[in-house]
Protein backbone atom coordinates (compact mmCIF):
# COMPACT_ATOMS: atom_id res chain seq x y z
CA MET A 1 35.34 120.30 301.36
CA THR A 2 38.85 120.12 299.90
CA GLU A 3 41.22 122.93 300.94
CA ALA A 4 42.35 125.11 298.05
CA THR A 5 45.95 124.64 296.90
CA PRO A 6 48.05 127.65 297.97
CA GLU A 7 49.25 129.81 295.09
CA GLY A 8 52.70 128.80 293.88
CA GLN A 9 52.79 125.52 295.80
CA VAL A 10 55.32 123.05 294.39
CA ALA A 11 53.93 119.74 293.11
CA ASP A 12 55.66 117.46 295.63
CA ALA A 13 55.43 119.75 298.66
CA VAL A 14 54.32 118.19 301.93
CA THR A 15 50.58 118.64 302.45
CA GLY A 16 49.86 121.42 304.94
CA ASN A 17 53.52 122.49 305.12
CA TRP A 18 54.34 125.66 307.04
CA VAL A 19 55.86 127.50 304.07
CA ASP A 20 52.70 127.52 301.96
CA HIS A 21 50.39 128.25 304.89
CA TRP A 22 52.26 130.33 307.47
CA ALA A 23 55.36 131.96 305.96
CA PRO A 24 55.12 135.58 304.73
CA ALA A 25 54.00 135.64 301.10
CA ALA A 26 57.16 137.43 299.92
CA ALA A 27 59.38 134.76 301.51
CA ARG A 28 57.53 131.72 300.18
CA PRO A 29 59.21 131.46 296.74
CA TYR A 30 62.67 131.58 298.34
CA LEU A 31 61.77 129.06 301.03
CA ARG A 32 60.44 126.80 298.28
CA LEU A 33 63.80 127.15 296.56
CA SER A 34 65.38 125.93 299.79
CA ARG A 35 62.93 122.99 299.91
CA ALA A 36 61.71 124.18 303.32
CA ASP A 37 58.30 122.89 302.25
CA ARG A 38 59.91 119.44 301.72
CA PRO A 39 61.99 118.85 304.88
CA ILE A 40 63.07 115.28 304.14
CA GLY A 41 66.24 116.48 302.40
CA THR A 42 67.34 118.40 305.49
CA TRP A 43 66.87 115.25 307.56
CA LEU A 44 68.87 113.15 305.11
CA LEU A 45 71.71 115.69 305.21
CA LEU A 46 71.56 115.99 309.00
CA LEU A 47 71.34 112.34 310.04
CA PRO A 48 74.88 111.25 309.01
CA CYS A 49 76.10 114.23 311.05
CA TRP A 50 74.20 112.99 314.09
CA TRP A 51 75.47 109.44 313.51
CA ALA A 52 79.02 110.79 313.70
CA LEU A 53 78.26 112.99 316.71
CA ALA A 54 76.67 110.17 318.69
CA LEU A 55 79.31 107.59 317.75
CA ALA A 56 82.39 109.79 318.15
CA SER A 57 81.24 111.17 321.51
CA LEU A 58 80.38 107.65 322.75
CA SER A 59 83.85 106.46 321.73
CA GLN A 60 85.27 109.25 323.92
CA GLY A 61 83.11 108.21 326.85
CA ALA A 62 81.05 111.38 327.33
CA PHE A 63 78.58 113.76 325.71
CA THR A 64 79.52 117.33 326.62
CA LEU A 65 77.98 120.78 326.21
CA GLU A 66 80.35 121.34 323.30
CA HIS A 67 78.91 118.24 321.65
CA LEU A 68 75.40 119.59 322.25
CA TRP A 69 76.32 122.76 320.37
CA ILE A 70 77.79 120.71 317.53
CA GLY A 71 74.47 118.86 317.27
CA ILE A 72 72.48 122.10 317.22
CA GLY A 73 74.92 123.69 314.79
CA CYS A 74 74.57 120.68 312.51
CA ALA A 75 70.79 121.05 312.47
CA LEU A 76 71.00 124.73 311.59
CA GLY A 77 73.80 124.13 309.09
CA ALA A 78 71.95 121.25 307.43
CA PHE A 79 68.90 123.45 306.91
CA LEU A 80 71.00 126.27 305.46
CA MET A 81 73.35 124.20 303.30
CA ARG A 82 70.57 121.99 302.01
CA GLY A 83 68.80 125.22 301.06
CA ALA A 84 71.90 126.63 299.38
CA GLY A 85 72.57 123.35 297.57
CA CYS A 86 68.98 123.03 296.36
CA THR A 87 69.04 126.62 295.15
CA TRP A 88 72.21 125.90 293.19
CA ASN A 89 70.63 122.74 291.84
CA ASP A 90 67.56 124.65 290.66
CA ILE A 91 69.69 127.33 289.01
CA THR A 92 71.68 124.76 287.03
CA ASP A 93 68.65 122.56 286.26
CA ARG A 94 66.16 125.29 285.36
CA GLU A 95 65.89 124.16 281.73
CA PHE A 96 65.43 120.50 282.68
CA ASP A 97 62.97 121.30 285.48
CA GLY A 98 60.69 123.13 283.10
CA ARG A 99 60.34 119.97 281.00
CA VAL A 100 59.60 117.50 283.83
CA GLU A 101 56.05 117.21 285.19
CA ARG A 102 57.08 116.91 288.84
CA THR A 103 59.52 119.84 288.80
CA ARG A 104 58.05 122.43 286.43
CA SER A 105 56.21 124.06 289.36
CA ARG A 106 59.51 124.88 291.13
CA PRO A 107 60.13 128.60 291.73
CA ILE A 108 62.57 129.29 288.87
CA PRO A 109 60.84 127.49 285.95
CA SER A 110 57.45 128.70 287.18
CA GLY A 111 58.67 132.32 287.25
CA GLN A 112 58.33 132.89 291.00
CA VAL A 113 62.05 133.73 291.40
CA SER A 114 64.60 135.10 288.94
CA VAL A 115 67.98 133.46 288.47
CA LYS A 116 69.68 136.53 289.94
CA GLY A 117 67.40 136.48 292.98
CA ALA A 118 68.08 132.79 293.44
CA ALA A 119 71.85 133.34 293.28
CA ILE A 120 71.69 136.04 295.96
CA TRP A 121 69.56 133.77 298.15
CA MET A 122 72.05 130.92 297.69
CA VAL A 123 75.00 133.06 298.79
CA ALA A 124 73.11 134.39 301.82
CA GLN A 125 72.34 130.87 303.05
CA ALA A 126 75.92 129.69 302.47
CA LEU A 127 77.37 132.62 304.42
CA LEU A 128 75.12 131.96 307.41
CA ALA A 129 76.16 128.29 307.35
CA PHE A 130 79.81 129.33 307.18
CA ALA A 131 79.37 131.49 310.28
CA ILE A 132 78.19 128.40 312.18
CA LEU A 133 81.05 126.32 310.77
CA LEU A 134 83.58 128.82 312.15
CA THR A 135 82.64 127.75 315.69
CA PHE A 136 83.92 124.20 315.04
CA ASP A 137 87.39 122.61 315.16
CA PRO A 138 89.83 123.91 312.48
CA LEU A 139 89.95 120.52 310.73
CA ALA A 140 86.13 120.55 310.52
CA ILE A 141 86.23 124.06 309.06
CA TRP A 142 88.57 122.97 306.29
CA LEU A 143 86.43 119.93 305.59
CA GLY A 144 83.39 122.17 305.36
CA VAL A 145 85.08 124.41 302.81
CA GLY A 146 86.19 121.35 300.84
CA SER A 147 82.62 120.07 300.61
CA LEU A 148 81.71 123.00 298.34
CA ALA A 149 83.41 121.27 295.41
CA LEU A 150 81.10 118.26 295.76
CA VAL A 151 78.05 120.50 296.09
CA ALA A 152 79.05 122.38 292.94
CA ILE A 153 79.62 119.23 290.85
CA TYR A 154 76.54 117.22 291.83
CA PRO A 155 73.90 118.97 289.64
CA PHE A 156 75.99 118.26 286.54
CA ALA A 157 76.62 114.58 287.34
CA LYS A 158 73.39 113.37 285.71
CA ARG A 159 74.65 114.85 282.45
CA PHE A 160 77.78 112.66 282.24
CA THR A 161 77.23 109.52 284.37
CA TRP A 162 74.55 106.92 285.03
CA TRP A 163 75.58 107.10 288.70
CA PRO A 164 74.78 110.70 289.79
CA GLN A 165 73.56 109.24 293.09
CA VAL A 166 77.19 108.49 293.96
CA PHE A 167 78.00 112.21 293.72
CA LEU A 168 74.95 113.00 295.83
CA GLY A 169 76.13 110.46 298.40
CA LEU A 170 79.61 111.96 298.50
CA ALA A 171 78.14 115.42 299.13
CA PHE A 172 75.22 114.53 301.41
CA ASN A 173 77.29 112.40 303.81
CA TRP A 174 80.35 114.61 304.02
CA GLY A 175 78.95 115.85 307.32
CA ALA A 176 79.86 112.51 308.91
CA LEU A 177 83.55 113.32 308.39
CA LEU A 178 83.12 116.98 309.30
CA VAL A 179 81.34 116.25 312.57
CA TRP A 180 83.74 113.49 313.59
CA ALA A 181 86.53 116.01 313.13
CA ALA A 182 84.56 118.60 315.11
CA VAL A 183 84.15 116.19 318.03
CA THR A 184 87.62 114.63 318.12
CA GLY A 185 89.89 116.84 316.00
CA THR A 186 90.92 113.71 314.06
CA LEU A 187 89.67 111.43 311.28
CA PRO A 188 90.24 107.77 312.24
CA TRP A 189 89.21 104.97 309.90
CA PRO A 190 85.79 104.34 311.55
CA ALA A 191 84.77 107.82 310.40
CA PHE A 192 85.39 106.77 306.80
CA ALA A 193 83.46 103.53 307.32
CA LEU A 194 80.55 105.64 308.58
CA TYR A 195 80.91 107.88 305.52
CA GLY A 196 80.76 104.80 303.29
CA ALA A 197 77.59 103.62 305.05
CA GLY A 198 75.97 106.95 304.31
CA ILE A 199 76.95 106.84 300.64
CA ALA A 200 75.44 103.36 300.24
CA TRP A 201 72.30 104.54 302.01
CA THR A 202 72.03 107.51 299.64
CA LEU A 203 72.26 105.15 296.66
CA PHE A 204 69.40 103.20 298.23
CA TYR A 205 66.97 106.03 298.91
CA ASP A 206 67.78 108.25 295.94
CA THR A 207 67.35 105.39 293.48
CA ILE A 208 63.83 104.99 294.88
CA TYR A 209 63.29 108.75 294.54
CA ALA A 210 64.61 108.85 290.97
CA HIS A 211 62.08 106.27 289.81
CA GLN A 212 59.45 109.02 289.97
CA ASP A 213 61.00 110.70 286.92
CA THR A 214 62.29 107.87 284.74
CA GLU A 215 59.98 108.58 281.79
CA ASP A 216 60.67 112.31 281.72
CA ASP A 217 64.39 111.73 282.32
CA ALA A 218 64.53 109.40 279.33
CA LEU A 219 62.88 112.00 277.11
CA ILE A 220 65.29 114.78 278.04
CA GLY A 221 68.42 112.61 278.31
CA VAL A 222 69.01 112.81 282.08
CA LYS A 223 70.83 109.80 283.57
CA SER A 224 70.15 108.09 286.91
CA THR A 225 70.59 104.78 288.67
CA ALA A 226 66.82 104.32 288.39
CA ARG A 227 67.05 104.35 284.60
CA LEU A 228 70.20 102.24 284.65
CA PHE A 229 68.78 99.51 286.90
CA GLY A 230 65.23 99.47 285.54
CA GLU A 231 63.41 96.28 286.57
CA ASP A 232 66.53 95.08 288.39
CA THR A 233 66.21 97.90 290.94
CA PRO A 234 65.02 95.65 293.84
CA THR A 235 68.14 93.51 293.48
CA TRP A 236 70.40 96.57 293.50
CA LEU A 237 68.57 97.98 296.52
CA LYS A 238 69.31 94.74 298.41
CA TRP A 239 73.02 95.17 297.69
CA PHE A 240 72.91 98.81 298.81
CA LEU A 241 71.12 97.69 302.00
CA ILE A 242 73.84 95.11 302.70
CA ALA A 243 76.58 97.68 302.03
CA THR A 244 74.91 100.27 304.27
CA ILE A 245 74.45 98.01 307.28
CA SER A 246 77.82 96.28 306.86
CA ALA A 247 79.74 99.56 306.73
CA LEU A 248 77.70 100.95 309.63
CA GLY A 249 78.44 97.84 311.68
CA VAL A 250 82.16 98.07 310.92
CA ALA A 251 82.16 101.76 311.95
CA LEU A 252 80.39 100.94 315.23
CA ILE A 253 82.75 98.08 316.09
CA GLY A 254 85.85 100.02 315.09
CA ALA A 255 84.90 103.07 317.15
CA LEU A 256 83.46 101.36 320.23
CA ALA A 257 85.31 98.06 320.69
CA PRO A 258 88.44 99.70 322.18
CA ALA A 259 86.64 101.81 324.80
CA ALA A 260 82.92 101.13 325.19
CA SER A 261 81.35 98.34 327.21
CA VAL A 262 80.05 95.19 325.59
CA LEU A 263 76.48 96.26 326.39
CA GLN A 264 76.99 99.64 324.74
CA LEU A 265 78.38 97.97 321.63
CA VAL A 266 75.49 95.49 321.47
CA VAL A 267 72.92 98.28 321.78
CA ALA A 268 74.68 100.38 319.14
CA LEU A 269 74.73 97.41 316.76
CA GLY A 270 71.02 97.01 317.48
CA GLY A 271 70.55 100.39 315.80
CA ALA A 272 72.21 99.09 312.65
CA TRP A 273 69.99 96.00 312.73
CA ALA A 274 66.87 98.16 313.17
CA MET A 275 67.85 100.34 310.22
CA GLY A 276 68.42 97.24 308.12
CA TRP A 277 64.94 96.02 309.02
CA HIS A 278 63.47 99.36 307.91
CA LEU A 279 65.29 99.28 304.56
CA THR A 280 64.06 95.71 304.04
CA TRP A 281 60.50 96.92 304.71
CA GLN A 282 60.96 99.57 302.02
CA ILE A 283 62.10 97.03 299.42
CA ARG A 284 59.12 94.78 300.17
CA ARG A 285 56.71 97.66 299.56
CA LEU A 286 58.44 99.05 296.49
CA ASP A 287 56.19 99.75 293.51
CA MET A 288 58.20 101.44 290.76
CA GLU A 289 55.04 102.39 288.83
CA ASP A 290 53.36 104.22 291.73
CA GLY A 291 54.78 107.70 292.31
CA ALA A 292 52.92 108.15 295.59
CA VAL A 293 54.41 104.95 296.99
CA LEU A 294 57.90 105.93 295.81
CA LEU A 295 57.65 109.34 297.49
CA LYS A 296 56.31 107.79 300.70
CA LEU A 297 59.15 105.27 300.84
CA PHE A 298 61.74 107.94 300.09
CA ARG A 299 60.42 110.14 302.90
CA SER A 300 60.38 107.19 305.31
CA ASN A 301 64.18 107.23 305.28
CA ARG A 302 64.06 109.92 307.93
CA ASP A 303 62.81 107.25 310.34
CA ALA A 304 65.32 104.70 309.03
CA GLY A 305 68.23 107.09 309.64
CA LEU A 306 66.98 108.10 313.08
CA LEU A 307 67.15 104.51 314.36
CA PRO A 308 70.98 104.39 314.73
CA VAL A 309 70.86 107.80 316.45
CA LEU A 310 68.25 106.54 318.91
CA PHE A 311 70.16 103.37 319.78
CA LEU A 312 73.45 105.26 320.15
CA ALA A 313 71.70 107.76 322.43
CA ILE A 314 70.48 104.85 324.59
CA ALA A 315 74.02 103.45 324.70
CA HIS A 316 75.23 106.75 326.16
CA PHE A 317 73.15 106.09 329.26
CA LEU A 318 74.45 102.55 329.84
């Protein structure tokens, strides 16, 4: 017997998610606004932070209790800021969302949450994230404040450019710079190489994601790399894969060659190779006409992004 769909569940929510089954009923619409029922976005925001934490701490030769707090703070902050950013996105996109099959069940267009209620919820999440940010290095704090401009601009990018995924990449990977600054108090060039790797990775996975909505986007005039690339998407994804792994490799070599052992560097580079293998696997299984496959591949990027973290963690013990 098929389990009944919980009232108010969003169309692309994870099956059996905790929000729709365990959260208090009054909180569910707001948690849906934050995409707590779709945790992949939190992972994709968090992982560049953990790349930077693992790499910067390894370049310094030790992982300290302060670094542990930075990692925990990043996880909490990613959840909160992803929630605040998604709430802002839903406020600005409420007219578009109501006209797209996949998004019309979201809390604002479906009437579960008012725009005013959503705005209050957004501010509450942002303030909690800011409280965590205040425990970091001053340079990291300023970088965190500066990221708000990117968060504010992103929802409007698809109105004026075919490359809104670039703006998403700039915003979603800013944590790599912030966390490097939190760990070291500086921003050397490998941090920017790592940031570039994250941006290229975002172009990869969000182009896959955007292919779910190409028909609706064309009808309402929303731009995306998926619409721009069309049937050439696999070729573009290969270039984004090459850019991601190349920039990641450059960041690893630049950060570790001066101080780490050869074995540590080889293991760290193994993480980049493993991620490249995973992205190649995604391209081979790409079916741009199958929404279920597209969503599965998009979500699999959590595992792809965890691979460099895992290999860097192993390098810490060598």
